[in-house]
Amino acid sequence: CDSSGEEHVLAPPGLQPHCEGQCLIWACKVCKRKSAPTDRRKAATLRERRRLKKINEGFDALKKKTVPNPNQRLP
């Protein structure tokens, strides 16, 4: 139980694959609240990786058009 008075939403006995007292993650507000920051951080990391990949691809395209030897490292 949580200090705010909310209780965990436990899975029925037939749906508990590996441990007793396992919550239904999709229905348990207490567990959702615990995992939210981690999920948000993972999502933000993925967004940042995609953004940087697009930026790097843009720089590579620009380098190929402007530098005589695009494989040479820029100073």
PDB file of N, CA and C in Angstrom:
ATOM      1  N   CYS A   1       0.833  -1.204   0.000  1.00  0.00           N
ATOM      2  CA  CYS A   1       0.000   0.000   0.000  1.00  0.00           C
ATOM      3  C   CYS A   1       0.867   1.252   0.000  1.00  0.00           C
ATOM      4  N   ASP A   2       0.331   2.298  -0.501  1.00  0.00           N
ATOM      5  CA  ASP A   2       1.043   3.565  -0.571  1.00  0.00           C
ATOM      6  C   ASP A   2       0.579   4.455   0.570  1.00  0.00           C
ATOM      7  N   SER A   3       1.362   5.440   0.952  1.00  0.00           N
ATOM      8  CA  SER A   3       1.012   6.314   2.059  1.00  0.00           C
ATOM      9  C   SER A   3      -0.190   7.198   1.744  1.00  0.00           C
ATOM     10  N   SER A   4      -0.513   7.386   0.469  1.00  0.00           N
ATOM     11  CA  SER A   4      -1.640   8.235   0.099  1.00  0.00           C
ATOM     12  C   SER A   4      -2.970   7.506   0.213  1.00  0.00           C
ATOM     13  N   GLY A   5      -2.947   6.235   0.617  1.00  0.00           N
ATOM     14  CA  GLY A   5      -4.186   5.488   0.775  1.00  0.00           C
ATOM     15  C   GLY A   5      -4.537   4.639  -0.423  1.00  0.00           C
ATOM     16  N   GLU A   6      -3.806   4.783  -1.516  1.00  0.00           N
ATOM     17  CA  GLU A   6      -4.074   3.958  -2.695  1.00  0.00           C
ATOM     18  C   GLU A   6      -3.444   2.586  -2.492  1.00  0.00           C
ATOM     19  N   GLU A   7      -4.127   1.560  -2.982  1.00  0.00           N
ATOM     20  CA  GLU A   7      -3.598   0.206  -2.858  1.00  0.00           C
ATOM     21  C   GLU A   7      -3.217  -0.333  -4.227  1.00  0.00           C
ATOM     22  N   HIS A   8      -2.326  -1.307  -4.208  1.00  0.00           N
ATOM     23  CA  HIS A   8      -1.917  -1.970  -5.449  1.00  0.00           C
ATOM     24  C   HIS A   8      -3.077  -2.787  -6.001  1.00  0.00           C
ATOM     25  N   VAL A   9      -3.158  -2.881  -7.324  1.00  0.00           N
ATOM     26  CA  VAL A   9      -4.168  -3.709  -7.987  1.00  0.00           C
ATOM     27  C   VAL A   9      -3.482  -5.026  -8.328  1.00  0.00           C
ATOM     28  N   LEU A  10      -3.776  -6.059  -7.542  1.00  0.00           N
ATOM     29  CA  LEU A  10      -3.101  -7.345  -7.717  1.00  0.00           C
ATOM     30  C   LEU A  10      -3.733  -8.157  -8.833  1.00  0.00           C
ATOM     31  N   ALA A  11      -2.902  -8.936  -9.496  1.00  0.00           N
ATOM     32  CA  ALA A  11      -3.382  -9.824 -10.557  1.00  0.00           C
ATOM     33  C   ALA A  11      -4.088 -11.018  -9.923  1.00  0.00           C
ATOM     34  N   PRO A  12      -5.086 -11.571 -10.603  1.00  0.00           N
ATOM     35  CA  PRO A  12      -5.737 -12.773 -10.084  1.00  0.00           C
ATOM     36  C   PRO A  12      -4.733 -13.926 -10.017  1.00  0.00           C
ATOM     37  N   PRO A  13      -4.958 -14.896  -9.119  1.00  0.00           N
ATOM     38  CA  PRO A  13      -3.990 -15.989  -8.932  1.00  0.00           C
ATOM     39  C   PRO A  13      -3.598 -16.716 -10.214  1.00  0.00           C
ATOM     40  N   GLY A  14      -4.507 -16.896 -11.159  1.00  0.00           N
ATOM     41  CA  GLY A  14      -4.182 -17.601 -12.395  1.00  0.00           C
ATOM     42  C   GLY A  14      -3.256 -16.827 -13.316  1.00  0.00           C
ATOM     43  N   LEU A  15      -3.176 -15.512 -13.146  1.00  0.00           N
ATOM     44  CA  LEU A  15      -2.354 -14.674 -14.025  1.00  0.00           C
ATOM     45  C   LEU A  15      -0.994 -14.319 -13.430  1.00  0.00           C
ATOM     46  N   GLN A  16      -0.703 -14.798 -12.230  1.00  0.00           N
ATOM     47  CA  GLN A  16       0.569 -14.470 -11.592  1.00  0.00           C
ATOM     48  C   GLN A  16       1.615 -15.494 -12.006  1.00  0.00           C
ATOM     49  N   PRO A  17       2.436 -15.180 -12.985  1.00  0.00           N
ATOM     50  CA  PRO A  17       3.366 -16.165 -13.526  1.00  0.00           C
ATOM     51  C   PRO A  17       4.522 -16.540 -12.604  1.00  0.00           C
ATOM     52  N   HIS A  18       5.110 -15.594 -11.860  1.00  0.00           N
ATOM     53  CA  HIS A  18       6.334 -15.945 -11.150  1.00  0.00           C
ATOM     54  C   HIS A  18       6.430 -15.496  -9.700  1.00  0.00           C
ATOM     55  N   CYS A  19       5.552 -14.644  -9.233  1.00  0.00           N
ATOM     56  CA  CYS A  19       5.660 -14.272  -7.822  1.00  0.00           C
ATOM     57  C   CYS A  19       4.299 -13.858  -7.275  1.00  0.00           C
ATOM     58  N   GLU A  20       4.135 -14.086  -5.976  1.00  0.00           N
ATOM     59  CA  GLU A  20       2.871 -13.731  -5.337  1.00  0.00           C
ATOM     60  C   GLU A  20       2.770 -12.221  -5.166  1.00  0.00           C
ATOM     61  N   GLY A  21       1.554 -11.711  -5.210  1.00  0.00           N
ATOM     62  CA  GLY A  21       1.339 -10.292  -4.985  1.00  0.00           C
ATOM     63  C   GLY A  21       1.744  -9.409  -6.146  1.00  0.00           C
ATOM     64  N   GLN A  22       1.888  -9.993  -7.310  1.00  0.00           N
ATOM     65  CA  GLN A  22       2.291  -9.206  -8.480  1.00  0.00           C
ATOM     66  C   GLN A  22       1.121  -8.336  -8.934  1.00  0.00           C
ATOM     67  N   CYS A  23       1.413  -7.095  -9.213  1.00  0.00           N
ATOM     68  CA  CYS A  23       0.369  -6.155  -9.633  1.00  0.00           C
ATOM     69  C   CYS A  23       0.086  -6.265 -11.124  1.00  0.00           C
ATOM     70  N   LEU A  24      -1.113  -5.832 -11.480  1.00  0.00           N
ATOM     71  CA  LEU A  24      -1.438  -5.627 -12.893  1.00  0.00           C
ATOM     72  C   LEU A  24      -0.893  -4.245 -13.232  1.00  0.00           C
ATOM     73  N   ILE A  25       0.238  -4.197 -13.894  1.00  0.00           N
ATOM     74  CA  ILE A  25       0.929  -2.925 -14.150  1.00  0.00           C
ATOM     75  C   ILE A  25       0.013  -1.927 -14.849  1.00  0.00           C
ATOM     76  N   TRP A  26      -0.775  -2.394 -15.817  1.00  0.00           N
ATOM     77  CA  TRP A  26      -1.622  -1.495 -16.594  1.00  0.00           C
ATOM     78  C   TRP A  26      -2.769  -0.931 -15.771  1.00  0.00           C
ATOM     79  N   ALA A  27      -3.093  -1.549 -14.608  1.00  0.00           N
ATOM     80  CA  ALA A  27      -4.230  -1.095 -13.809  1.00  0.00           C
ATOM     81  C   ALA A  27      -3.813  -0.497 -12.472  1.00  0.00           C
ATOM     82  N   CYS A  28      -2.573  -0.690 -12.065  1.00  0.00           N
ATOM     83  CA  CYS A  28      -2.128  -0.273 -10.735  1.00  0.00           C
ATOM     84  C   CYS A  28      -1.535   1.134 -10.786  1.00  0.00           C
ATOM     85  N   LYS A  29      -2.250   2.100 -10.219  1.00  0.00           N
ATOM     86  CA  LYS A  29      -1.785   3.492 -10.231  1.00  0.00           C
ATOM     87  C   LYS A  29      -0.497   3.664  -9.430  1.00  0.00           C
ATOM     88  N   VAL A  30      -0.368   2.911  -8.341  1.00  0.00           N
ATOM     89  CA  VAL A  30       0.822   3.025  -7.501  1.00  0.00           C
ATOM     90  C   VAL A  30       2.070   2.618  -8.282  1.00  0.00           C
ATOM     91  N   CYS A  31       1.992   1.486  -8.980  1.00  0.00           N
ATOM     92  CA  CYS A  31       3.152   1.010  -9.751  1.00  0.00           C
ATOM     93  C   CYS A  31       3.414   1.893 -10.968  1.00  0.00           C
ATOM     94  N   LYS A  32       2.363   2.409 -11.585  1.00  0.00           N
ATOM     95  CA  LYS A  32       2.549   3.312 -12.733  1.00  0.00           C
ATOM     96  C   LYS A  32       3.330   4.544 -12.298  1.00  0.00           C
ATOM     97  N   ARG A  33       2.993   5.056 -11.130  1.00  0.00           N
ATOM     98  CA  ARG A  33       3.651   6.256 -10.637  1.00  0.00           C
ATOM     99  C   ARG A  33       5.136   5.987 -10.384  1.00  0.00           C
ATOM    100  N   LYS A  34       5.478   4.791  -9.909  1.00  0.00           N
ATOM    101  CA  LYS A  34       6.877   4.449  -9.640  1.00  0.00           C
ATOM    102  C   LYS A  34       7.688   4.343 -10.925  1.00  0.00           C
ATOM    103  N   SER A  35       7.102   3.780 -11.976  1.00  0.00           N
ATOM    104  CA  SER A  35       7.857   3.530 -13.199  1.00  0.00           C
ATOM    105  C   SER A  35       7.837   4.705 -14.173  1.00  0.00           C
ATOM    106  N   ALA A  36       7.013   5.695 -13.937  1.00  0.00           N
ATOM    107  CA  ALA A  36       6.861   6.801 -14.883  1.00  0.00           C
ATOM    108  C   ALA A  36       8.164   7.557 -15.161  1.00  0.00           C
ATOM    109  N   PRO A  37       8.942   7.954 -14.140  1.00  0.00           N
ATOM    110  CA  PRO A  37      10.171   8.703 -14.438  1.00  0.00           C
ATOM    111  C   PRO A  37      11.159   7.900 -15.288  1.00  0.00           C
ATOM    112  N   THR A  38      11.279   6.608 -15.017  1.00  0.00           N
ATOM    113  CA  THR A  38      12.189   5.767 -15.797  1.00  0.00           C
ATOM    114  C   THR A  38      11.727   5.695 -17.243  1.00  0.00           C
ATOM    115  N   ASP A  39      10.428   5.476 -17.449  1.00  0.00           N
ATOM    116  CA  ASP A  39       9.882   5.396 -18.803  1.00  0.00           C
ATOM    117  C   ASP A  39      10.082   6.709 -19.547  1.00  0.00           C
ATOM    118  N   ARG A  40       9.856   7.820 -18.865  1.00  0.00           N
ATOM    119  CA  ARG A  40      10.030   9.132 -19.498  1.00  0.00           C
ATOM    120  C   ARG A  40      11.484   9.356 -19.886  1.00  0.00           C
ATOM    121  N   ARG A  41      12.389   8.940 -19.016  1.00  0.00           N
ATOM    122  CA  ARG A  41      13.814   9.119 -19.305  1.00  0.00           C
ATOM    123  C   ARG A  41      14.235   8.269 -20.501  1.00  0.00           C
ATOM    124  N   LYS A  42      13.749   7.028 -20.563  1.00  0.00           N
ATOM    125  CA  LYS A  42      14.071   6.160 -21.706  1.00  0.00           C
ATOM    126  C   LYS A  42      13.520   6.743 -23.000  1.00  0.00           C
ATOM    127  N   ALA A  43      12.289   7.247 -22.951  1.00  0.00           N
ATOM    128  CA  ALA A  43      11.679   7.841 -24.145  1.00  0.00           C
ATOM    129  C   ALA A  43      12.462   9.078 -24.583  1.00  0.00           C
ATOM    130  N   ALA A  44      12.888   9.892 -23.622  1.00  0.00           N
ATOM    131  CA  ALA A  44      13.655  11.096 -23.955  1.00  0.00           C
ATOM    132  C   ALA A  44      15.005  10.731 -24.572  1.00  0.00           C
ATOM    133  N   THR A  45      15.632   9.678 -24.055  1.00  0.00           N
ATOM    134  CA  THR A  45      16.912   9.232 -24.609  1.00  0.00           C
ATOM    135  C   THR A  45      16.748   8.777 -26.050  1.00  0.00           C
ATOM    136  N   LEU A  46      15.683   8.016 -26.324  1.00  0.00           N
ATOM    137  CA  LEU A  46      15.434   7.561 -27.696  1.00  0.00           C
ATOM    138  C   LEU A  46      15.183   8.731 -28.637  1.00  0.00           C
ATOM    139  N   ARG A  47      14.390   9.714 -28.175  1.00  0.00           N
ATOM    140  CA  ARG A  47      14.137  10.900 -29.006  1.00  0.00           C
ATOM    141  C   ARG A  47      15.435  11.631 -29.309  1.00  0.00           C
ATOM    142  N   GLU A  48      16.290  11.775 -28.303  1.00  0.00           N
ATOM    143  CA  GLU A  48      17.559  12.481 -28.483  1.00  0.00           C
ATOM    144  C   GLU A  48      18.472  11.731 -29.451  1.00  0.00           C
ATOM    145  N   ARG A  49      18.502  10.401 -29.362  1.00  0.00           N
ATOM    146  CA  ARG A  49      19.328   9.620 -30.290  1.00  0.00           C
ATOM    147  C   ARG A  49      18.855   9.793 -31.726  1.00  0.00           C
ATOM    148  N   ARG A  50      17.527   9.763 -31.925  1.00  0.00           N
ATOM    149  CA  ARG A  50      16.988   9.951 -33.280  1.00  0.00           C
ATOM    150  C   ARG A  50      17.329  11.337 -33.806  1.00  0.00           C
ATOM    151  N   ARG A  51      17.195  12.344 -32.938  1.00  0.00           N
ATOM    152  CA  ARG A  51      17.483  13.721 -33.337  1.00  0.00           C
ATOM    153  C   ARG A  51      18.954  13.869 -33.725  1.00  0.00           C
ATOM    154  N   LEU A  52      19.843  13.343 -32.907  1.00  0.00           N
ATOM    155  CA  LEU A  52      21.273  13.450 -33.202  1.00  0.00           C
ATOM    156  C   LEU A  52      21.651  12.672 -34.451  1.00  0.00           C
ATOM    157  N   LYS A  53      20.989  11.547 -34.682  1.00  0.00           N
ATOM    158  CA  LYS A  53      21.270  10.770 -35.893  1.00  0.00           C
ATOM    159  C   LYS A  53      20.930  11.594 -37.134  1.00  0.00           C
ATOM    160  N   LYS A  54      19.785  12.288 -37.099  1.00  0.00           N
ATOM    161  CA  LYS A  54      19.389  13.126 -38.237  1.00  0.00           C
ATOM    162  C   LYS A  54      20.360  14.286 -38.427  1.00  0.00           C
ATOM    163  N   ILE A  55      20.802  14.877 -37.317  1.00  0.00           N
ATOM    164  CA  ILE A  55      21.759  15.985 -37.401  1.00  0.00           C
ATOM    165  C   ILE A  55      23.076  15.497 -37.994  1.00  0.00           C
ATOM    166  N   ASN A  56      23.555  14.343 -37.527  1.00  0.00           N
ATOM    167  CA  ASN A  56      24.814  13.792 -38.050  1.00  0.00           C
ATOM    168  C   ASN A  56      24.703  13.452 -39.529  1.00  0.00           C
ATOM    169  N   GLU A  57      23.561  12.920 -39.945  1.00  0.00           N
ATOM    170  CA  GLU A  57      23.362  12.621 -41.367  1.00  0.00           C
ATOM    171  C   GLU A  57      23.387  13.903 -42.192  1.00  0.00           C
ATOM    172  N   GLY A  58      22.804  14.970 -41.658  1.00  0.00           N
ATOM    173  CA  GLY A  58      22.825  16.258 -42.346  1.00  0.00           C
ATOM    174  C   GLY A  58      24.238  16.798 -42.494  1.00  0.00           C
ATOM    175  N   PHE A  59      25.031  16.711 -41.428  1.00  0.00           N
ATOM    176  CA  PHE A  59      26.422  17.158 -41.499  1.00  0.00           C
ATOM    177  C   PHE A  59      27.217  16.327 -42.494  1.00  0.00           C
ATOM    178  N   ASP A  60      26.979  15.017 -42.521  1.00  0.00           N
ATOM    179  CA  ASP A  60      27.688  14.156 -43.479  1.00  0.00           C
ATOM    180  C   ASP A  60      27.358  14.547 -44.914  1.00  0.00           C
ATOM    181  N   ALA A  61      26.076  14.811 -45.176  1.00  0.00           N
ATOM    182  CA  ALA A  61      25.674  15.219 -46.526  1.00  0.00           C
ATOM    183  C   ALA A  61      26.326  16.551 -46.901  1.00  0.00           C
ATOM    184  N   LEU A  62      26.352  17.482 -45.961  1.00  0.00           N
ATOM    185  CA  LEU A  62      26.980  18.784 -46.203  1.00  0.00           C
ATOM    186  C   LEU A  62      28.482  18.628 -46.455  1.00  0.00           C
ATOM    187  N   LYS A  63      29.119  17.778 -45.667  1.00  0.00           N
ATOM    188  CA  LYS A  63      30.560  17.557 -45.817  1.00  0.00           C
ATOM    189  C   LYS A  63      30.882  16.949 -47.182  1.00  0.00           C
ATOM    190  N   LYS A  64      30.053  16.024 -47.644  1.00  0.00           N
ATOM    191  CA  LYS A  64      30.284  15.392 -48.952  1.00  0.00           C
ATOM    192  C   LYS A  64      30.201  16.407 -50.085  1.00  0.00           C
ATOM    193  N   LYS A  65      29.367  17.431 -49.918  1.00  0.00           N
ATOM    194  CA  LYS A  65      29.200  18.420 -50.981  1.00  0.00           C
ATOM    195  C   LYS A  65      30.235  19.539 -50.917  1.00  0.00           C
ATOM    196  N   THR A  66      30.868  19.744 -49.760  1.00  0.00           N
ATOM    197  CA  THR A  66      31.758  20.897 -49.613  1.00  0.00           C
ATOM    198  C   THR A  66      33.238  20.558 -49.513  1.00  0.00           C
ATOM    199  N   VAL A  67      33.587  19.340 -49.111  1.00  0.00           N
ATOM    200  CA  VAL A  67      34.991  18.982 -48.887  1.00  0.00           C
ATOM    201  C   VAL A  67      35.468  18.067 -50.011  1.00  0.00           C
ATOM    202  N   PRO A  68      36.693  18.305 -50.532  1.00  0.00           N
ATOM    203  CA  PRO A  68      37.199  17.458 -51.617  1.00  0.00           C
ATOM    204  C   PRO A  68      37.317  15.983 -51.209  1.00  0.00           C
ATOM    205  N   ASN A  69      37.744  15.724 -49.979  1.00  0.00           N
ATOM    206  CA  ASN A  69      37.854  14.346 -49.501  1.00  0.00           C
ATOM    207  C   ASN A  69      36.923  14.190 -48.291  1.00  0.00           C
ATOM    208  N   PRO A  70      35.679  13.721 -48.502  1.00  0.00           N
ATOM    209  CA  PRO A  70      34.711  13.660 -47.400  1.00  0.00           C
ATOM    210  C   PRO A  70      35.087  12.679 -46.294  1.00  0.00           C
ATOM    211  N   ASN A  71      35.985  11.723 -46.591  1.00  0.00           N
ATOM    212  CA  ASN A  71      36.374  10.756 -45.565  1.00  0.00           C
ATOM    213  C   ASN A  71      37.433  11.301 -44.617  1.00  0.00           C
ATOM    214  N   GLN A  72      38.049  12.432 -44.992  1.00  0.00           N
ATOM    215  CA  GLN A  72      39.072  13.034 -44.143  1.00  0.00           C
ATOM    216  C   GLN A  72      38.396  13.720 -42.961  1.00  0.00           C
ATOM    217  N   ARG A  73      38.981  13.561 -41.795  1.00  0.00           N
ATOM    218  CA  ARG A  73      38.424  14.176 -40.593  1.00  0.00           C
ATOM    219  C   ARG A  73      38.631  15.692 -40.645  1.00  0.00           C
ATOM    220  N   LEU A  74      37.592  16.439 -40.285  1.00  0.00           N
ATOM    221  CA  LEU A  74      37.695  17.898 -40.293  1.00  0.00           C
ATOM    222  C   LEU A  74      38.473  18.374 -39.072  1.00  0.00           C
ATOM    223  N   PRO A  75      39.228  19.489 -39.205  1.00  0.00           N
ATOM    224  CA  PRO A  75      40.014  19.996 -38.063  1.00  0.00           C
ATOM    225  C   PRO A  75      39.125  20.567 -36.975  1.00  0.00           C
TER     226      PRO A  75
END
